[in-house]
Amino acid sequence: MIIYPSIDKLLDRVDSRYSLAVLAAKRAHELENGDVELLSHYESPRTVGRAFEEIADDKIEIDPNSILLEKEAEKVEEEKKEEN
């Protein structure tokens, strides 16, 4: 259950629960892979909680022009793993 930030505040930033879940999961993976943290302080010790905090603080958003499909995204992710 999300306590902070509130689901209402998050849905003010993202138009659907599905989009919110996808965005938070993607950002959590980026944080786990060493991406730069966008806030100076986080309430949550978990990456998905930190992703929600960044979304609530308007630090990240969905790119409405993105047309990358899930299968294409998985392929890109696999290619990145093979390069490393």
PDB file of N, CA and C in Angstrom:
ATOM      1  N   MET A   1       0.842  -1.182   0.000  1.00  0.00           N
ATOM      2  CA  MET A   1       0.000   0.000   0.000  1.00  0.00           C
ATOM      3  C   MET A   1       0.887   1.246   0.000  1.00  0.00           C
ATOM      4  N   ILE A   2       0.536   2.199  -0.828  1.00  0.00           N
ATOM      5  CA  ILE A   2       1.269   3.456  -0.894  1.00  0.00           C
ATOM      6  C   ILE A   2       0.743   4.386   0.202  1.00  0.00           C
ATOM      7  N   ILE A   3       1.612   4.838   1.069  1.00  0.00           N
ATOM      8  CA  ILE A   3       1.227   5.798   2.099  1.00  0.00           C
ATOM      9  C   ILE A   3       1.728   7.180   1.733  1.00  0.00           C
ATOM     10  N   TYR A   4       3.000   7.249   1.314  1.00  0.00           N
ATOM     11  CA  TYR A   4       3.578   8.518   0.890  1.00  0.00           C
ATOM     12  C   TYR A   4       4.350   8.277  -0.391  1.00  0.00           C
ATOM     13  N   PRO A   5       4.146   9.042  -1.367  1.00  0.00           N
ATOM     14  CA  PRO A   5       3.136  10.092  -1.532  1.00  0.00           C
ATOM     15  C   PRO A   5       1.758   9.480  -1.738  1.00  0.00           C
ATOM     16  N   SER A   6       0.725  10.258  -1.537  1.00  0.00           N
ATOM     17  CA  SER A   6      -0.634   9.734  -1.656  1.00  0.00           C
ATOM     18  C   SER A   6      -0.962   9.404  -3.113  1.00  0.00           C
ATOM     19  N   ILE A   7      -1.827   8.423  -3.279  1.00  0.00           N
ATOM     20  CA  ILE A   7      -2.240   8.028  -4.624  1.00  0.00           C
ATOM     21  C   ILE A   7      -2.927   9.185  -5.338  1.00  0.00           C
ATOM     22  N   ASP A   8      -3.650  10.020  -4.595  1.00  0.00           N
ATOM     23  CA  ASP A   8      -4.313  11.175  -5.207  1.00  0.00           C
ATOM     24  C   ASP A   8      -3.304  12.152  -5.801  1.00  0.00           C
ATOM     25  N   LYS A   9      -2.216  12.398  -5.070  1.00  0.00           N
ATOM     26  CA  LYS A   9      -1.186  13.305  -5.576  1.00  0.00           C
ATOM     27  C   LYS A   9      -0.514  12.709  -6.809  1.00  0.00           C
ATOM     28  N   LEU A  10      -0.276  11.414  -6.781  1.00  0.00           N
ATOM     29  CA  LEU A  10       0.351  10.750  -7.928  1.00  0.00           C
ATOM     30  C   LEU A  10      -0.552  10.793  -9.158  1.00  0.00           C
ATOM     31  N   LEU A  11      -1.843  10.572  -8.956  1.00  0.00           N
ATOM     32  CA  LEU A  11      -2.770  10.583 -10.089  1.00  0.00           C
ATOM     33  C   LEU A  11      -3.031  11.988 -10.613  1.00  0.00           C
ATOM     34  N   ASP A  12      -2.646  13.013  -9.856  1.00  0.00           N
ATOM     35  CA  ASP A  12      -2.669  14.376 -10.387  1.00  0.00           C
ATOM     36  C   ASP A  12      -1.570  14.555 -11.431  1.00  0.00           C
ATOM     37  N   ARG A  13      -0.515  13.764 -11.315  1.00  0.00           N
ATOM     38  CA  ARG A  13       0.639  13.871 -12.203  1.00  0.00           C
ATOM     39  C   ARG A  13       0.553  12.934 -13.414  1.00  0.00           C
ATOM     40  N   VAL A  14      -0.084  11.769 -13.206  1.00  0.00           N
ATOM     41  CA  VAL A  14      -0.176  10.728 -14.239  1.00  0.00           C
ATOM     42  C   VAL A  14      -1.652  10.388 -14.427  1.00  0.00           C
ATOM     43  N   ASP A  15      -2.070  10.209 -15.668  1.00  0.00           N
ATOM     44  CA  ASP A  15      -3.503  10.111 -15.958  1.00  0.00           C
ATOM     45  C   ASP A  15      -4.197   8.793 -15.629  1.00  0.00           C
ATOM     46  N   SER A  16      -3.465   7.730 -15.335  1.00  0.00           N
ATOM     47  CA  SER A  16      -4.123   6.463 -14.996  1.00  0.00           C
ATOM     48  C   SER A  16      -3.246   5.643 -14.055  1.00  0.00           C
ATOM     49  N   ARG A  17      -3.885   4.748 -13.334  1.00  0.00           N
ATOM     50  CA  ARG A  17      -3.141   3.867 -12.415  1.00  0.00           C
ATOM     51  C   ARG A  17      -2.179   2.964 -13.195  1.00  0.00           C
ATOM     52  N   TYR A  18      -2.607   2.519 -14.359  1.00  0.00           N
ATOM     53  CA  TYR A  18      -1.758   1.674 -15.189  1.00  0.00           C
ATOM     54  C   TYR A  18      -0.501   2.438 -15.607  1.00  0.00           C
ATOM     55  N   SER A  19      -0.674   3.640 -16.108  1.00  0.00           N
ATOM     56  CA  SER A  19       0.470   4.461 -16.514  1.00  0.00           C
ATOM     57  C   SER A  19       1.388   4.738 -15.330  1.00  0.00           C
ATOM     58  N   LEU A  20       0.785   4.972 -14.179  1.00  0.00           N
ATOM     59  CA  LEU A  20       1.565   5.217 -12.972  1.00  0.00           C
ATOM     60  C   LEU A  20       2.407   3.996 -12.607  1.00  0.00           C
ATOM     61  N   ALA A  21       1.807   2.821 -12.658  1.00  0.00           N
ATOM     62  CA  ALA A  21       2.528   1.594 -12.329  1.00  0.00           C
ATOM     63  C   ALA A  21       3.680   1.349 -13.292  1.00  0.00           C
ATOM     64  N   VAL A  22       3.432   1.543 -14.585  1.00  0.00           N
ATOM     65  CA  VAL A  22       4.473   1.326 -15.592  1.00  0.00           C
ATOM     66  C   VAL A  22       5.606   2.330 -15.410  1.00  0.00           C
ATOM     67  N   LEU A  23       5.260   3.591 -15.214  1.00  0.00           N
ATOM     68  CA  LEU A  23       6.269   4.632 -15.041  1.00  0.00           C
ATOM     69  C   LEU A  23       7.102   4.386 -13.785  1.00  0.00           C
ATOM     70  N   ALA A  24       6.447   4.038 -12.689  1.00  0.00           N
ATOM     71  CA  ALA A  24       7.165   3.791 -11.442  1.00  0.00           C
ATOM     72  C   ALA A  24       8.084   2.573 -11.561  1.00  0.00           C
ATOM     73  N   ALA A  25       7.603   1.523 -12.206  1.00  0.00           N
ATOM     74  CA  ALA A  25       8.430   0.326 -12.378  1.00  0.00           C
ATOM     75  C   ALA A  25       9.657   0.622 -13.234  1.00  0.00           C
ATOM     76  N   LYS A  26       9.441   1.354 -14.321  1.00  0.00           N
ATOM     77  CA  LYS A  26      10.565   1.704 -15.195  1.00  0.00           C
ATOM     78  C   LYS A  26      11.590   2.548 -14.445  1.00  0.00           C
ATOM     79  N   ARG A  27      11.117   3.538 -13.717  1.00  0.00           N
ATOM     80  CA  ARG A  27      12.034   4.419 -12.980  1.00  0.00           C
ATOM     81  C   ARG A  27      12.740   3.654 -11.869  1.00  0.00           C
ATOM     82  N   ALA A  28      12.038   2.744 -11.201  1.00  0.00           N
ATOM     83  CA  ALA A  28      12.655   1.940 -10.143  1.00  0.00           C
ATOM     84  C   ALA A  28      13.798   1.095 -10.714  1.00  0.00           C
ATOM     85  N   HIS A  29      13.590   0.531 -11.898  1.00  0.00           N
ATOM     86  CA  HIS A  29      14.658  -0.242 -12.550  1.00  0.00           C
ATOM     87  C   HIS A  29      15.849   0.650 -12.885  1.00  0.00           C
ATOM     88  N   GLU A  30      15.569   1.853 -13.342  1.00  0.00           N
ATOM     89  CA  GLU A  30      16.664   2.782 -13.643  1.00  0.00           C
ATOM     90  C   GLU A  30      17.461   3.104 -12.374  1.00  0.00           C
ATOM     91  N   LEU A  31      16.761   3.329 -11.276  1.00  0.00           N
ATOM     92  CA  LEU A  31      17.445   3.624 -10.016  1.00  0.00           C
ATOM     93  C   LEU A  31      18.268   2.423  -9.549  1.00  0.00           C
ATOM     94  N   GLU A  32      17.713   1.221  -9.700  1.00  0.00           N
ATOM     95  CA  GLU A  32      18.445   0.007  -9.323  1.00  0.00           C
ATOM     96  C   GLU A  32      19.693  -0.181 -10.167  1.00  0.00           C
ATOM     97  N   ASN A  33      19.660   0.301 -11.397  1.00  0.00           N
ATOM     98  CA  ASN A  33      20.811   0.178 -12.299  1.00  0.00           C
ATOM     99  C   ASN A  33      21.787   1.337 -12.171  1.00  0.00           C
ATOM    100  N   GLY A  34      21.600   2.186 -11.155  1.00  0.00           N
ATOM    101  CA  GLY A  34      22.574   3.232 -10.884  1.00  0.00           C
ATOM    102  C   GLY A  34      22.282   4.592 -11.477  1.00  0.00           C
ATOM    103  N   ASP A  35      21.080   4.804 -11.998  1.00  0.00           N
ATOM    104  CA  ASP A  35      20.744   6.116 -12.548  1.00  0.00           C
ATOM    105  C   ASP A  35      20.766   7.169 -11.440  1.00  0.00           C
ATOM    106  N   VAL A  36      20.953   8.408 -11.837  1.00  0.00           N
ATOM    107  CA  VAL A  36      21.059   9.525 -10.896  1.00  0.00           C
ATOM    108  C   VAL A  36      19.742   9.722 -10.153  1.00  0.00           C
ATOM    109  N   GLU A  37      19.833   9.882  -8.830  1.00  0.00           N
ATOM    110  CA  GLU A  37      18.651  10.194  -8.038  1.00  0.00           C
ATOM    111  C   GLU A  37      18.296  11.655  -8.247  1.00  0.00           C
ATOM    112  N   LEU A  38      17.006  11.927  -8.428  1.00  0.00           N
ATOM    113  CA  LEU A  38      16.556  13.266  -8.778  1.00  0.00           C
ATOM    114  C   LEU A  38      16.144  14.113  -7.582  1.00  0.00           C
ATOM    115  N   LEU A  39      16.066  13.520  -6.403  1.00  0.00           N
ATOM    116  CA  LEU A  39      15.720  14.262  -5.193  1.00  0.00           C
ATOM    117  C   LEU A  39      16.896  14.217  -4.217  1.00  0.00           C
ATOM    118  N   SER A  40      17.011  15.233  -3.401  1.00  0.00           N
ATOM    119  CA  SER A  40      18.100  15.256  -2.419  1.00  0.00           C
ATOM    120  C   SER A  40      17.788  14.401  -1.195  1.00  0.00           C
ATOM    121  N   HIS A  41      16.507  14.138  -0.934  1.00  0.00           N
ATOM    122  CA  HIS A  41      16.101  13.331   0.215  1.00  0.00           C
ATOM    123  C   HIS A  41      14.875  12.495  -0.154  1.00  0.00           C
ATOM    124  N   TYR A  42      14.875  11.239   0.271  1.00  0.00           N
ATOM    125  CA  TYR A  42      13.759  10.342   0.023  1.00  0.00           C
ATOM    126  C   TYR A  42      13.220   9.823   1.354  1.00  0.00           C
ATOM    127  N   GLU A  43      11.901   9.640   1.424  1.00  0.00           N
ATOM    128  CA  GLU A  43      11.271   9.031   2.591  1.00  0.00           C
ATOM    129  C   GLU A  43      11.389   7.513   2.529  1.00  0.00           C
ATOM    130  N   SER A  44      11.308   6.961   1.325  1.00  0.00           N
ATOM    131  CA  SER A  44      11.282   5.512   1.141  1.00  0.00           C
ATOM    132  C   SER A  44      12.684   4.941   0.951  1.00  0.00           C
ATOM    133  N   PRO A  45      12.957   3.804   1.581  1.00  0.00           N
ATOM    134  CA  PRO A  45      14.240   3.130   1.342  1.00  0.00           C
ATOM    135  C   PRO A  45      14.205   2.269   0.080  1.00  0.00           C
ATOM    136  N   ARG A  46      13.028   2.010  -0.472  1.00  0.00           N
ATOM    137  CA  ARG A  46      12.887   1.140  -1.646  1.00  0.00           C
ATOM    138  C   ARG A  46      12.864   1.955  -2.929  1.00  0.00           C
ATOM    139  N   THR A  47      13.375   1.349  -3.990  1.00  0.00           N
ATOM    140  CA  THR A  47      13.462   2.083  -5.260  1.00  0.00           C
ATOM    141  C   THR A  47      12.094   2.429  -5.832  1.00  0.00           C
ATOM    142  N   VAL A  48      11.119   1.544  -5.696  1.00  0.00           N
ATOM    143  CA  VAL A  48       9.796   1.872  -6.242  1.00  0.00           C
ATOM    144  C   VAL A  48       9.171   3.029  -5.456  1.00  0.00           C
ATOM    145  N   GLY A  49       9.393   3.071  -4.155  1.00  0.00           N
ATOM    146  CA  GLY A  49       8.916   4.195  -3.355  1.00  0.00           C
ATOM    147  C   GLY A  49       9.604   5.491  -3.751  1.00  0.00           C
ATOM    148  N   ARG A  50      10.888   5.391  -4.030  1.00  0.00           N
ATOM    149  CA  ARG A  50      11.642   6.567  -4.485  1.00  0.00           C
ATOM    150  C   ARG A  50      11.135   7.039  -5.846  1.00  0.00           C
ATOM    151  N   ALA A  51      10.795   6.093  -6.713  1.00  0.00           N
ATOM    152  CA  ALA A  51      10.232   6.448  -8.023  1.00  0.00           C
ATOM    153  C   ALA A  51       8.918   7.194  -7.839  1.00  0.00           C
ATOM    154  N   PHE A  52       8.063   6.705  -6.935  1.00  0.00           N
ATOM    155  CA  PHE A  52       6.800   7.399  -6.667  1.00  0.00           C
ATOM    156  C   PHE A  52       7.048   8.809  -6.140  1.00  0.00           C
ATOM    157  N   GLU A  53       8.045   8.968  -5.287  1.00  0.00           N
ATOM    158  CA  GLU A  53       8.364  10.297  -4.748  1.00  0.00           C
ATOM    159  C   GLU A  53       8.812  11.240  -5.867  1.00  0.00           C
ATOM    160  N   GLU A  54       9.614  10.733  -6.794  1.00  0.00           N
ATOM    161  CA  GLU A  54      10.053  11.562  -7.918  1.00  0.00           C
ATOM    162  C   GLU A  54       8.875  11.947  -8.815  1.00  0.00           C
ATOM    163  N   ILE A  55       7.955  11.012  -9.021  1.00  0.00           N
ATOM    164  CA  ILE A  55       6.765  11.312  -9.827  1.00  0.00           C
ATOM    165  C   ILE A  55       5.927  12.383  -9.129  1.00  0.00           C
ATOM    166  N   ALA A  56       5.722  12.235  -7.840  1.00  0.00           N
ATOM    167  CA  ALA A  56       4.918  13.195  -7.083  1.00  0.00           C
ATOM    168  C   ALA A  56       5.539  14.583  -7.088  1.00  0.00           C
ATOM    169  N   ASP A  57       6.862  14.639  -7.144  1.00  0.00           N
ATOM    170  CA  ASP A  57       7.578  15.917  -7.125  1.00  0.00           C
ATOM    171  C   ASP A  57       7.783  16.479  -8.537  1.00  0.00           C
ATOM    172  N   ASP A  58       7.125  15.883  -9.518  1.00  0.00           N
ATOM    173  CA  ASP A  58       7.208  16.332 -10.923  1.00  0.00           C
ATOM    174  C   ASP A  58       8.621  16.270 -11.499  1.00  0.00           C
ATOM    175  N   LYS A  59       9.421  15.323 -11.053  1.00  0.00           N
ATOM    176  CA  LYS A  59      10.776  15.182 -11.578  1.00  0.00           C
ATOM    177  C   LYS A  59      10.823  14.295 -12.813  1.00  0.00           C
ATOM    178  N   ILE A  60       9.830  13.422 -12.978  1.00  0.00           N
ATOM    179  CA  ILE A  60       9.754  12.575 -14.167  1.00  0.00           C
ATOM    180  C   ILE A  60       8.318  12.543 -14.646  1.00  0.00           C
ATOM    181  N   GLU A  61       8.152  12.259 -15.932  1.00  0.00           N
ATOM    182  CA  GLU A  61       6.815  12.203 -16.511  1.00  0.00           C
ATOM    183  C   GLU A  61       6.810  11.257 -17.702  1.00  0.00           C
ATOM    184  N   ILE A  62       5.633  10.882 -18.120  1.00  0.00           N
ATOM    185  CA  ILE A  62       5.470  10.021 -19.286  1.00  0.00           C
ATOM    186  C   ILE A  62       5.688  10.850 -20.539  1.00  0.00           C
ATOM    187  N   ASP A  63       6.447  10.297 -21.469  1.00  0.00           N
ATOM    188  CA  ASP A  63       6.649  10.958 -22.755  1.00  0.00           C
ATOM    189  C   ASP A  63       5.482  10.599 -23.661  1.00  0.00           C
ATOM    190  N   PRO A  64       4.590  11.534 -23.934  1.00  0.00           N
ATOM    191  CA  PRO A  64       3.415  11.213 -24.750  1.00  0.00           C
ATOM    192  C   PRO A  64       3.754  10.878 -26.201  1.00  0.00           C
ATOM    193  N   ASN A  65       4.946  11.198 -26.642  1.00  0.00           N
ATOM    194  CA  ASN A  65       5.353  10.917 -28.020  1.00  0.00           C
ATOM    195  C   ASN A  65       6.089   9.587 -28.168  1.00  0.00           C
ATOM    196  N   SER A  66       6.301   8.909 -27.042  1.00  0.00           N
ATOM    197  CA  SER A  66       7.019   7.646 -27.077  1.00  0.00           C
ATOM    198  C   SER A  66       6.158   6.573 -27.729  1.00  0.00           C
ATOM    199  N   ILE A  67       6.740   5.847 -28.669  1.00  0.00           N
ATOM    200  CA  ILE A  67       6.010   4.766 -29.333  1.00  0.00           C
ATOM    201  C   ILE A  67       6.734   3.437 -29.149  1.00  0.00           C
ATOM    202  N   LEU A  68       7.640   3.375 -28.192  1.00  0.00           N
ATOM    203  CA  LEU A  68       8.385   2.159 -27.933  1.00  0.00           C
ATOM    204  C   LEU A  68       7.454   1.115 -27.325  1.00  0.00           C
ATOM    205  N   LEU A  69       7.261   0.020 -28.036  1.00  0.00           N
ATOM    206  CA  LEU A  69       6.401  -1.045 -27.557  1.00  0.00           C
ATOM    207  C   LEU A  69       7.133  -1.906 -26.543  1.00  0.00           C
ATOM    208  N   GLU A  70       6.382  -2.652 -25.744  1.00  0.00           N
ATOM    209  CA  GLU A  70       6.979  -3.467 -24.688  1.00  0.00           C
ATOM    210  C   GLU A  70       8.024  -4.433 -25.239  1.00  0.00           C
ATOM    211  N   LYS A  71       7.729  -5.121 -26.329  1.00  0.00           N
ATOM    212  CA  LYS A  71       8.685  -6.064 -26.908  1.00  0.00           C
ATOM    213  C   LYS A  71       9.951  -5.351 -27.365  1.00  0.00           C
ATOM    214  N   GLU A  72       9.798  -4.162 -27.930  1.00  0.00           N
ATOM    215  CA  GLU A  72      10.965  -3.387 -28.359  1.00  0.00           C
ATOM    216  C   GLU A  72      11.780  -2.945 -27.143  1.00  0.00           C
ATOM    217  N   ALA A  73      11.097  -2.554 -26.091  1.00  0.00           N
ATOM    218  CA  ALA A  73      11.789  -2.131 -24.872  1.00  0.00           C
ATOM    219  C   ALA A  73      12.570  -3.289 -24.271  1.00  0.00           C
ATOM    220  N   GLU A  74      11.983  -4.488 -24.280  1.00  0.00           N
ATOM    221  CA  GLU A  74      12.689  -5.665 -23.768  1.00  0.00           C
ATOM    222  C   GLU A  74      13.920  -5.960 -24.610  1.00  0.00           C
ATOM    223  N   LYS A  75      13.809  -5.802 -25.914  1.00  0.00           N
ATOM    224  CA  LYS A  75      14.939  -6.036 -26.809  1.00  0.00           C
ATOM    225  C   LYS A  75      16.069  -5.042 -26.521  1.00  0.00           C
ATOM    226  N   VAL A  76      15.724  -3.783 -26.335  1.00  0.00           N
ATOM    227  CA  VAL A  76      16.718  -2.760 -26.009  1.00  0.00           C
ATOM    228  C   VAL A  76      17.394  -3.096 -24.689  1.00  0.00           C
ATOM    229  N   GLU A  77      16.606  -3.517 -23.711  1.00  0.00           N
ATOM    230  CA  GLU A  77      17.160  -3.880 -22.400  1.00  0.00           C
ATOM    231  C   GLU A  77      18.117  -5.055 -22.512  1.00  0.00           C
ATOM    232  N   GLU A  78      17.765  -6.070 -23.298  1.00  0.00           N
ATOM    233  CA  GLU A  78      18.635  -7.220 -23.506  1.00  0.00           C
ATOM    234  C   GLU A  78      19.934  -6.816 -24.194  1.00  0.00           C
ATOM    235  N   GLU A  79      19.855  -5.941 -25.166  1.00  0.00           N
ATOM    236  CA  GLU A  79      21.052  -5.462 -25.856  1.00  0.00           C
ATOM    237  C   GLU A  79      21.982  -4.721 -24.914  1.00  0.00           C
ATOM    238  N   LYS A  80      21.407  -3.946 -24.012  1.00  0.00           N
ATOM    239  CA  LYS A  80      22.225  -3.222 -23.018  1.00  0.00           C
ATOM    240  C   LYS A  80      22.945  -4.213 -22.107  1.00  0.00           C
ATOM    241  N   LYS A  81      22.252  -5.264 -21.703  1.00  0.00           N
ATOM    242  CA  LYS A  81      22.861  -6.280 -20.819  1.00  0.00           C
ATOM    243  C   LYS A  81      24.006  -6.987 -21.543  1.00  0.00           C
ATOM    244  N   GLU A  82      23.808  -7.282 -22.832  1.00  0.00           N
ATOM    245  CA  GLU A  82      24.844  -7.987 -23.598  1.00  0.00           C
ATOM    246  C   GLU A  82      26.084  -7.113 -23.788  1.00  0.00           C
ATOM    247  N   GLU A  83      25.893  -5.799 -23.906  1.00  0.00           N
ATOM    248  CA  GLU A  83      27.025  -4.885 -24.072  1.00  0.00           C
ATOM    249  C   GLU A  83      27.877  -4.817 -22.808  1.00  0.00           C
ATOM    250  N   ASN A  84      27.245  -4.963 -21.669  1.00  0.00           N
ATOM    251  CA  ASN A  84      27.967  -4.878 -20.396  1.00  0.00           C
ATOM    252  C   ASN A  84      28.486  -6.224 -20.058  1.00  0.00           C
TER     253      ASN A  84
END
